[in-house]
Protein backbone atom coordinates (compact mmCIF):
# COMPACT_ATOMS: atom_id res chain seq x y z
CA UNK A 1 -34.46 -5.69 -32.95
CA UNK A 2 -31.48 -7.25 -34.68
CA UNK A 3 -30.13 -5.62 -37.86
CA UNK A 4 -31.57 -7.19 -41.01
CA UNK A 5 -29.26 -8.01 -43.91
CA UNK A 6 -30.85 -8.68 -47.30
CA UNK A 7 -28.86 -10.40 -50.08
CA UNK A 8 -29.94 -9.46 -53.61
CA UNK A 9 -28.44 -11.96 -56.05
CA UNK A 10 -30.05 -13.89 -58.89
CA UNK A 11 -27.30 -16.53 -58.65
CA UNK A 12 -28.46 -18.78 -55.82
CA UNK A 13 -25.07 -20.48 -55.41
CA UNK A 14 -23.12 -17.23 -55.12
CA UNK A 15 -25.78 -15.74 -52.89
CA UNK A 16 -25.69 -18.70 -50.53
CA UNK A 17 -21.90 -18.31 -50.19
CA UNK A 18 -22.38 -14.68 -49.23
CA UNK A 19 -25.13 -15.62 -46.80
CA UNK A 20 -22.96 -18.28 -45.20
CA UNK A 21 -20.13 -15.79 -44.69
CA UNK A 22 -22.18 -13.06 -42.99
CA UNK A 23 -24.27 -15.48 -40.92
CA UNK A 24 -21.60 -15.35 -38.17
CA UNK A 25 -22.85 -11.85 -37.31
CA UNK A 26 -25.62 -11.31 -34.80
CA UNK A 27 -28.11 -10.29 -37.49
CA UNK A 28 -31.13 -11.54 -39.38
CA UNK A 29 -29.88 -12.61 -42.83
CA UNK A 30 -32.33 -13.13 -45.68
CA UNK A 31 -31.93 -14.07 -49.34
CA UNK A 32 -30.53 -14.51 -51.84
CA UNK A 33 -33.49 -13.15 -53.75
CA UNK A 34 -34.06 -11.06 -56.91
CA UNK A 35 -34.21 -7.27 -56.90
CA UNK A 36 -37.94 -7.40 -57.61
CA UNK A 37 -38.47 -8.76 -54.06
CA UNK A 38 -36.55 -5.93 -52.38
CA UNK A 39 -37.92 -4.86 -49.00
CA UNK A 40 -36.60 -2.48 -46.36
CA UNK A 41 -33.53 -3.76 -44.50
CA UNK A 42 -30.68 -2.45 -42.42
CA UNK A 43 -28.18 -3.37 -45.13
CA UNK A 44 -28.49 -4.69 -48.69
CA UNK A 45 -25.69 -6.77 -50.24
CA UNK A 46 -26.22 -6.23 -53.96
CA UNK A 47 -24.66 -8.47 -56.61
CA UNK A 48 -25.64 -6.99 -59.97
CA UNK A 49 -25.81 -9.04 -63.20
CA UNK A 50 -23.18 -8.34 -65.86
CA UNK A 51 -24.00 -5.23 -67.87
CA UNK A 52 -26.37 -3.78 -65.29
CA UNK A 53 -26.37 -0.06 -64.48
CA UNK A 54 -25.39 -0.72 -60.89
CA UNK A 55 -25.23 2.92 -59.78
CA UNK A 56 -28.81 3.43 -60.98
CA UNK A 57 -29.91 0.42 -58.94
CA UNK A 58 -28.11 1.76 -55.87
CA UNK A 59 -29.75 5.16 -56.31
CA UNK A 60 -33.21 3.58 -56.58
CA UNK A 61 -32.68 1.51 -53.43
CA UNK A 62 -31.48 4.56 -51.52
CA UNK A 63 -34.37 6.67 -52.82
CA UNK A 64 -36.93 4.05 -51.83
CA UNK A 65 -35.32 3.20 -48.48
CA UNK A 66 -33.14 6.16 -47.37
CA UNK A 67 -32.09 4.47 -44.12
CA UNK A 68 -30.92 1.28 -45.85
CA UNK A 69 -27.20 0.89 -46.49
CA UNK A 70 -26.00 -0.71 -49.74
CA UNK A 71 -22.81 -2.68 -50.37
CA UNK A 72 -22.07 -3.68 -53.97
CA UNK A 73 -20.39 -7.06 -54.69
CA UNK A 74 -19.41 -7.35 -58.33
CA UNK A 75 -17.37 -9.70 -60.47
CA UNK A 76 -17.02 -7.28 -63.40
CA UNK A 77 -16.56 -3.85 -61.91
CA UNK A 78 -14.62 -0.78 -62.99
CA UNK A 79 -13.24 2.33 -61.36
CA UNK A 80 -15.82 4.48 -63.14
CA UNK A 81 -18.66 2.30 -61.95
CA UNK A 82 -17.29 2.31 -58.40
CA UNK A 83 -17.22 6.12 -58.36
CA UNK A 84 -20.76 6.26 -59.74
CA UNK A 85 -21.97 3.81 -57.08
CA UNK A 86 -20.41 5.86 -54.28
CA UNK A 87 -22.02 8.99 -55.68
CA UNK A 88 -25.36 7.16 -55.75
CA UNK A 89 -25.01 6.41 -52.04
CA UNK A 90 -23.29 3.01 -51.79
CA UNK A 91 -21.42 2.41 -48.54
CA UNK A 92 -18.83 0.15 -50.17
CA UNK A 93 -17.95 -1.38 -53.54
CA UNK A 94 -16.19 -4.75 -53.55
CA UNK A 95 -14.83 -6.74 -56.48
CA UNK A 96 -15.08 -10.51 -56.14
CA UNK A 97 -13.40 -12.75 -55.21
CA UNK A 98 -13.39 -11.32 -51.69
CA UNK A 99 -12.43 -13.31 -48.61
CA UNK A 100 -15.23 -14.24 -46.25
CA UNK A 101 -13.35 -12.67 -43.33
CA UNK A 102 -12.97 -9.38 -45.20
CA UNK A 103 -16.64 -9.39 -46.16
CA UNK A 104 -17.68 -9.97 -42.53
CA UNK A 105 -15.36 -7.17 -41.44
CA UNK A 106 -16.79 -4.69 -43.95
CA UNK A 107 -20.41 -5.65 -43.22
CA UNK A 108 -19.81 -5.33 -39.48
CA UNK A 109 -18.18 -1.92 -39.87
CA UNK A 110 -21.00 -0.77 -42.17
CA UNK A 111 -23.60 -1.76 -39.58
CA UNK A 112 -21.58 0.08 -36.94
CA UNK A 113 -21.65 3.19 -39.14
CA UNK A 114 -25.40 2.85 -39.47
CA UNK A 115 -25.60 2.53 -35.64
CA UNK A 116 -27.72 -0.57 -36.02
CA UNK A 117 -25.76 -3.27 -34.20
CA UNK A 118 -27.67 -4.25 -31.07
CA UNK A 119 -25.31 -5.02 -28.17
CA UNK A 120 -25.81 -8.40 -26.55
CA UNK A 121 -23.45 -7.70 -23.68
CA UNK A 122 -22.73 -4.68 -21.43
CA UNK A 123 -22.39 -1.24 -23.01
CA UNK A 124 -19.51 -0.77 -25.41
CA UNK A 125 -17.66 1.50 -22.96
CA UNK A 126 -16.81 -1.71 -21.10
CA UNK A 127 -15.67 -3.54 -24.24
CA UNK A 128 -13.29 -6.26 -22.98
CA UNK A 129 -11.28 -6.16 -26.20
CA UNK A 130 -9.66 -2.99 -24.95
CA UNK A 131 -9.95 -2.62 -21.18
CA UNK A 132 -8.90 -6.07 -19.98
CA UNK A 133 -5.31 -7.11 -19.41
CA UNK A 134 -2.17 -6.05 -17.62
CA UNK A 135 -0.21 -4.34 -20.41
CA UNK A 136 1.00 -1.03 -19.01
CA UNK A 137 0.92 0.89 -22.30
CA UNK A 138 -2.68 -0.13 -23.03
CA UNK A 139 -3.85 0.61 -19.50
CA UNK A 140 -2.22 4.04 -19.58
CA UNK A 141 -3.86 4.81 -22.93
CA UNK A 142 -7.33 3.86 -21.69
CA UNK A 143 -6.87 5.82 -18.44
CA UNK A 144 -5.82 8.95 -20.35
CA UNK A 145 -8.78 8.65 -22.73
CA UNK A 146 -11.16 8.29 -19.78
CA UNK A 147 -9.66 11.40 -18.16
CA UNK A 148 -10.18 13.61 -21.23
CA UNK A 149 -13.49 12.11 -22.39
CA UNK A 150 -15.52 14.76 -20.55
CA UNK A 151 -13.38 17.62 -21.92
CA UNK A 152 -14.56 19.01 -25.26
CA UNK A 153 -11.10 18.89 -26.85
CA UNK A 154 -9.64 17.18 -29.88
CA UNK A 155 -8.18 13.73 -29.38
CA UNK A 156 -5.87 12.00 -31.85
CA UNK A 157 -5.55 8.22 -31.61
CA UNK A 158 -2.48 6.73 -33.24
CA UNK A 159 -1.63 3.07 -33.74
CA UNK A 160 -1.72 0.28 -36.31
CA UNK A 161 -4.84 -0.73 -38.23
CA UNK A 162 -7.10 -3.04 -36.23
CA UNK A 163 -5.75 -2.02 -32.82
CA UNK A 164 -9.10 -0.70 -31.63
CA UNK A 165 -8.97 3.03 -32.37
CA UNK A 166 -12.55 3.19 -33.66
CA UNK A 167 -14.05 1.53 -30.58
CA UNK A 168 -11.90 3.59 -28.26
CA UNK A 169 -13.15 6.72 -30.00
CA UNK A 170 -16.69 5.52 -29.36
CA UNK A 171 -15.73 4.91 -25.72
CA UNK A 172 -14.62 8.56 -25.47
CA UNK A 173 -17.92 9.68 -26.98
CA UNK A 174 -20.00 7.56 -24.61
CA UNK A 175 -18.18 8.99 -21.59
CA UNK A 176 -18.52 12.58 -22.78
CA UNK A 177 -21.19 15.23 -22.30
CA UNK A 178 -22.19 14.55 -25.92
CA UNK A 179 -23.09 10.91 -25.31
CA UNK A 180 -26.79 11.55 -26.01
CA UNK A 181 -25.86 12.87 -29.47
CA UNK A 182 -24.83 10.86 -32.54
CA UNK A 183 -21.47 9.18 -33.05
CA UNK A 184 -20.56 9.31 -36.75
CA UNK A 185 -17.48 7.66 -38.26
CA UNK A 186 -15.84 8.40 -41.62
CA UNK A 187 -12.75 6.76 -43.11
CA UNK A 188 -10.65 9.33 -44.97
CA UNK A 189 -8.96 6.51 -46.91
CA UNK A 190 -12.13 4.96 -48.30
CA UNK A 191 -13.12 7.64 -50.81
CA UNK A 192 -11.53 9.97 -53.35
CA UNK A 193 -11.20 13.70 -52.64
CA UNK A 194 -14.47 14.81 -54.24
CA UNK A 195 -16.50 11.99 -52.71
CA UNK A 196 -14.92 12.53 -49.30
CA UNK A 197 -15.79 16.23 -49.36
CA UNK A 198 -19.37 15.34 -50.25
CA UNK A 199 -19.45 12.71 -47.49
CA UNK A 200 -18.23 15.18 -44.86
CA UNK A 201 -19.87 18.43 -45.92
CA UNK A 202 -22.81 17.26 -48.02
CA UNK A 203 -23.77 18.49 -51.45
CA UNK A 204 -26.59 20.22 -53.25
CA UNK A 205 -28.50 18.91 -56.23
CA UNK A 206 -26.48 19.23 -59.43
CA UNK A 207 -23.14 19.67 -57.67
CA UNK A 208 -21.70 16.84 -59.78
CA UNK A 209 -22.89 14.09 -62.11
CA UNK A 210 -25.22 11.84 -60.15
CA UNK A 211 -26.09 14.42 -57.47
CA UNK A 212 -29.82 14.20 -58.07
CA UNK A 213 -30.84 15.55 -54.68
CA UNK A 214 -29.48 17.56 -51.75
CA UNK A 215 -27.62 15.43 -49.23
CA UNK A 216 -26.49 16.34 -45.73
CA UNK A 217 -22.89 15.58 -44.84
CA UNK A 218 -21.47 13.86 -41.79
CA UNK A 219 -20.74 17.12 -39.97
CA UNK A 220 -24.44 18.01 -40.08
CA UNK A 221 -25.50 14.48 -39.17
CA UNK A 222 -23.15 14.57 -36.15
CA UNK A 223 -24.63 17.84 -34.81
CA UNK A 224 -24.45 17.88 -31.02
CA UNK A 225 -22.37 14.69 -30.99
CA UNK A 226 -19.02 13.35 -32.15
CA UNK A 227 -17.47 12.91 -35.59
CA UNK A 228 -14.64 10.38 -35.77
CA UNK A 229 -12.25 10.84 -38.71
CA UNK A 230 -10.37 7.58 -39.19
CA UNK A 231 -7.13 7.36 -41.20
CA UNK A 232 -6.86 11.17 -41.14
CA UNK A 233 -3.35 10.81 -42.56
CA UNK A 234 -5.02 10.00 -45.92
CA UNK A 235 -6.89 13.32 -46.11
CA UNK A 236 -5.86 15.27 -49.26
CA UNK A 237 -4.43 18.79 -48.92
CA UNK A 238 -7.57 20.65 -50.05
CA UNK A 239 -9.68 18.75 -47.54
CA UNK A 240 -7.18 19.49 -44.78
CA UNK A 241 -7.74 23.21 -45.36
CA UNK A 242 -11.52 22.78 -45.10
CA UNK A 243 -11.17 20.71 -41.94
CA UNK A 244 -8.99 23.38 -40.34
CA UNK A 245 -11.61 26.02 -41.06
CA UNK A 246 -14.47 24.03 -39.59
CA UNK A 247 -12.41 23.25 -36.48
CA UNK A 248 -11.51 26.92 -36.05
CA UNK A 249 -14.78 28.58 -37.00
CA UNK A 250 -17.44 25.86 -36.98
CA UNK A 251 -18.57 26.86 -40.49
CA UNK A 252 -18.58 25.18 -43.92
CA UNK A 253 -20.33 25.10 -47.30
CA UNK A 254 -21.78 21.96 -48.89
CA UNK A 255 -20.22 20.94 -52.20
CA UNK A 256 -21.76 23.05 -54.98
CA UNK A 257 -23.28 25.61 -52.60
CA UNK A 258 -22.34 29.13 -51.50
CA UNK A 259 -24.51 28.91 -48.38
CA UNK A 260 -22.44 28.96 -45.19
CA UNK A 261 -23.66 26.59 -42.50
CA UNK A 262 -22.63 26.09 -38.89
CA UNK A 263 -22.22 22.98 -36.79
CA UNK A 264 -21.48 22.02 -33.18
CA UNK A 265 -19.45 18.82 -33.34
CA UNK A 266 -16.57 17.33 -31.37
CA UNK A 267 -13.97 15.88 -33.72
CA UNK A 268 -11.90 12.84 -32.81
CA UNK A 269 -9.32 11.55 -35.26
CA UNK A 270 -7.10 8.53 -35.80
CA UNK A 271 -4.06 7.79 -37.93
CA UNK A 272 -2.05 4.68 -38.68
CA UNK A 273 1.14 6.58 -39.54
CA UNK A 274 3.25 9.14 -37.65
CA UNK A 275 1.56 12.46 -38.42
CA UNK A 276 4.49 14.45 -37.03
CA UNK A 277 6.76 12.76 -39.56
CA UNK A 278 4.14 13.39 -42.25
CA UNK A 279 4.15 17.09 -41.31
CA UNK A 280 7.95 17.16 -41.61
CA UNK A 281 7.67 15.73 -45.14
CA UNK A 282 5.05 18.31 -46.11
CA UNK A 283 2.22 15.78 -46.39
CA UNK A 284 0.08 17.14 -43.55
CA UNK A 285 -0.71 20.61 -42.21
CA UNK A 286 0.98 21.35 -38.90
CA UNK A 287 -1.78 23.76 -37.83
CA UNK A 288 -4.41 21.07 -38.46
CA UNK A 289 -2.39 18.52 -36.49
CA UNK A 290 -2.33 20.74 -33.40
CA UNK A 291 -6.08 21.32 -33.71
CA UNK A 292 -6.75 17.59 -33.90
CA UNK A 293 -4.15 16.50 -31.35
CA UNK A 294 -4.83 18.57 -28.27
CA UNK A 295 -4.44 15.17 -26.64
CA UNK A 296 -2.54 12.45 -28.49
CA UNK A 297 -2.85 8.82 -27.39
CA UNK A 298 -0.90 5.91 -28.89
CA UNK A 299 -2.62 2.50 -28.96
CA UNK A 300 -0.23 -0.48 -28.89
CA UNK A 301 -0.47 -3.34 -31.36
CA UNK A 302 -1.65 -6.73 -30.16
CA UNK A 303 1.84 -8.14 -30.71
CA UNK A 304 3.11 -5.57 -28.19
CA UNK A 305 0.68 -6.79 -25.52
CA UNK A 306 0.71 -10.55 -25.97
CA UNK A 307 0.49 -11.06 -22.20
CA UNK A 308 -3.13 -9.91 -22.54
CA UNK A 309 -4.03 -12.36 -25.33
CA UNK A 310 -5.22 -15.35 -23.23
CA UNK A 311 -7.63 -13.17 -21.25
CA UNK A 312 -8.86 -11.42 -24.39
CA UNK A 313 -9.32 -14.69 -26.27
CA UNK A 314 -11.36 -16.30 -23.48
CA UNK A 315 -13.54 -13.21 -23.10
CA UNK A 316 -14.14 -13.00 -26.86
CA UNK A 317 -15.00 -16.70 -26.87
CA UNK A 318 -17.61 -16.08 -24.17
CA UNK A 319 -19.02 -13.13 -26.09
CA UNK A 320 -19.40 -14.94 -29.41
CA UNK A 321 -20.73 -18.11 -27.80
CA UNK A 322 -23.48 -15.90 -26.38
CA UNK A 323 -24.08 -14.06 -29.67
CA UNK A 324 -24.24 -17.24 -31.73
CA UNK A 325 -26.11 -19.24 -29.07
CA UNK A 326 -23.43 -21.96 -29.00
CA UNK A 327 -22.22 -23.98 -26.02
CA UNK A 328 -18.50 -23.23 -26.22
CA UNK A 329 -16.64 -23.03 -22.91
CA UNK A 330 -13.22 -21.82 -24.03
CA UNK A 331 -10.06 -22.85 -25.86
CA UNK A 332 -7.95 -25.97 -25.40
CA UNK A 333 -4.15 -25.67 -24.89
CA UNK A 334 -3.31 -26.41 -28.52
CA UNK A 335 -5.52 -23.55 -29.72
CA UNK A 336 -4.01 -21.16 -27.21
CA UNK A 337 -0.51 -22.18 -28.29
CA UNK A 338 -1.39 -21.36 -31.90
CA UNK A 339 -2.78 -17.96 -30.89
CA UNK A 340 0.35 -17.13 -28.90
CA UNK A 341 2.61 -18.21 -31.80
CA UNK A 342 0.91 -15.97 -34.38
CA UNK A 343 2.09 -12.39 -35.05
CA UNK A 344 -1.40 -10.82 -35.45
CA UNK A 345 -0.79 -8.29 -38.24
CA UNK A 346 -4.51 -7.44 -38.07
CA UNK A 347 -4.33 -6.85 -34.30
CA UNK A 348 -7.42 -7.00 -32.07
CA UNK A 349 -9.74 -6.97 -35.07
CA UNK A 350 -8.09 -10.08 -36.50
CA UNK A 351 -8.18 -11.85 -33.12
CA UNK A 352 -11.88 -11.09 -32.78
CA UNK A 353 -12.64 -12.50 -36.23
CA UNK A 354 -10.53 -15.59 -35.55
CA UNK A 355 -12.41 -16.32 -32.32
CA UNK A 356 -15.80 -15.63 -33.93
CA UNK A 357 -14.97 -18.04 -36.73
CA UNK A 358 -13.75 -20.71 -34.30
CA UNK A 359 -16.89 -20.45 -32.17
CA UNK A 360 -19.03 -20.82 -35.29
CA UNK A 361 -17.29 -23.95 -36.63
CA UNK A 362 -16.17 -25.88 -33.55
CA UNK A 363 -17.97 -29.17 -32.85
CA UNK A 364 -16.92 -29.53 -29.23
CA UNK A 365 -17.16 -27.59 -26.00
CA UNK A 366 -13.58 -26.29 -26.44
CA UNK A 367 -12.06 -24.55 -29.46
CA UNK A 368 -9.19 -26.58 -30.91
CA UNK A 369 -6.31 -25.44 -33.12
CA UNK A 370 -8.13 -26.85 -36.17
CA UNK A 371 -11.09 -24.52 -35.57
CA UNK A 372 -8.93 -21.43 -36.06
CA UNK A 373 -8.56 -19.79 -39.50
CA UNK A 374 -5.95 -21.52 -41.69
CA UNK A 375 -3.88 -18.34 -41.96
CA UNK A 376 -3.49 -18.35 -38.17
CA UNK A 377 -2.56 -22.03 -38.13
CA UNK A 378 -0.24 -21.84 -41.15
CA UNK A 379 0.48 -18.16 -41.82
CA UNK A 380 3.28 -18.78 -44.35
CA UNK A 381 1.99 -21.55 -46.60
CA UNK A 382 -1.76 -21.01 -46.83
CA UNK A 383 -2.86 -19.51 -50.20
CA UNK A 384 -6.59 -19.46 -49.39
CA UNK A 385 -9.29 -21.90 -50.47
CA UNK A 386 -11.88 -20.60 -52.92
CA UNK A 387 -15.54 -21.09 -52.14
CA UNK A 388 -18.54 -20.95 -54.41
CA UNK A 389 -19.58 -17.54 -55.65
CA UNK A 390 -16.15 -15.98 -55.48
CA UNK A 391 -15.65 -15.95 -51.72
CA UNK A 392 -12.50 -17.44 -50.34
CA UNK A 393 -11.89 -18.71 -46.84
CA UNK A 394 -8.56 -17.56 -45.44
């Protein structure tokens, strides 16, 4: 079954803008509808009315449907409310206006974290976004990852944001002896120190304000499988010490508890900065780095492997034409020229979103330059066009 996304928004215009944005995903999208009509879904996009106790609403949704993820979209948020929502179990907290591309990216990643995206092409270990092409650096990286996938050792993936580290980590998991176990991903940059500790190690009831029940952390949820720590360079010092202990001893305590627990988890990590340089500046523990980086693999940016772009673009076009059930045969020369002229600061992730958007909006059998996102066509002079409900197309 396809993942089901439910939009909870009493403002029909704003809700329709959200629905239009996420409809490019291979999911069932329903709503907008009021909170009173809430039913179980894979993911709820919640837009609370002004003055609402949003964290309480999130907690009630999570209590009623524990397997449902919640993303909050608010036009009048605050840092305090964001923290309360995360403590209540929200997966993300976004202040509008938010670009449609960013919303699609976050929703897609949230569904990946929930392990609910149903593949419509061959298994992800053969993902063409990463294994196709002739670039020597990329091919060497993939070959090395395949060689060490079956070895239960730490692997550190380095490279710019959007270069494919998360999917390559999943590739390692799927080719390992732990492939039948869970693959759990956590971004160390997404949460504050206290919330990140709770996310990783769990907490007991009463550990902090809003901790109304015991909650298992990601290490426990990943038992027998793989835990992927993304943006590990953002981990605060206290958390680094706890990570070192669990890597050395396999033991930890949930936040607010004195009970020592054990876990059997393979840890993969990724960073978007030079961790060796960070160690030299005193911002990262050297002993933790060596535990994480038994094997270190650098993933090149898309701009460093532009010879692969035409093949990647055509394959992504084929994939999204299939996902969206559209008759799109490829890209015309003008579109390809635009793609090759762009610098791709968002790397593979940005290319994938650009192709998905083009497949969704094109009216002909071939994608033209005008079907591509405006920022790709005019990267220097496009300020973004605001849509109804606070979304903006960029």
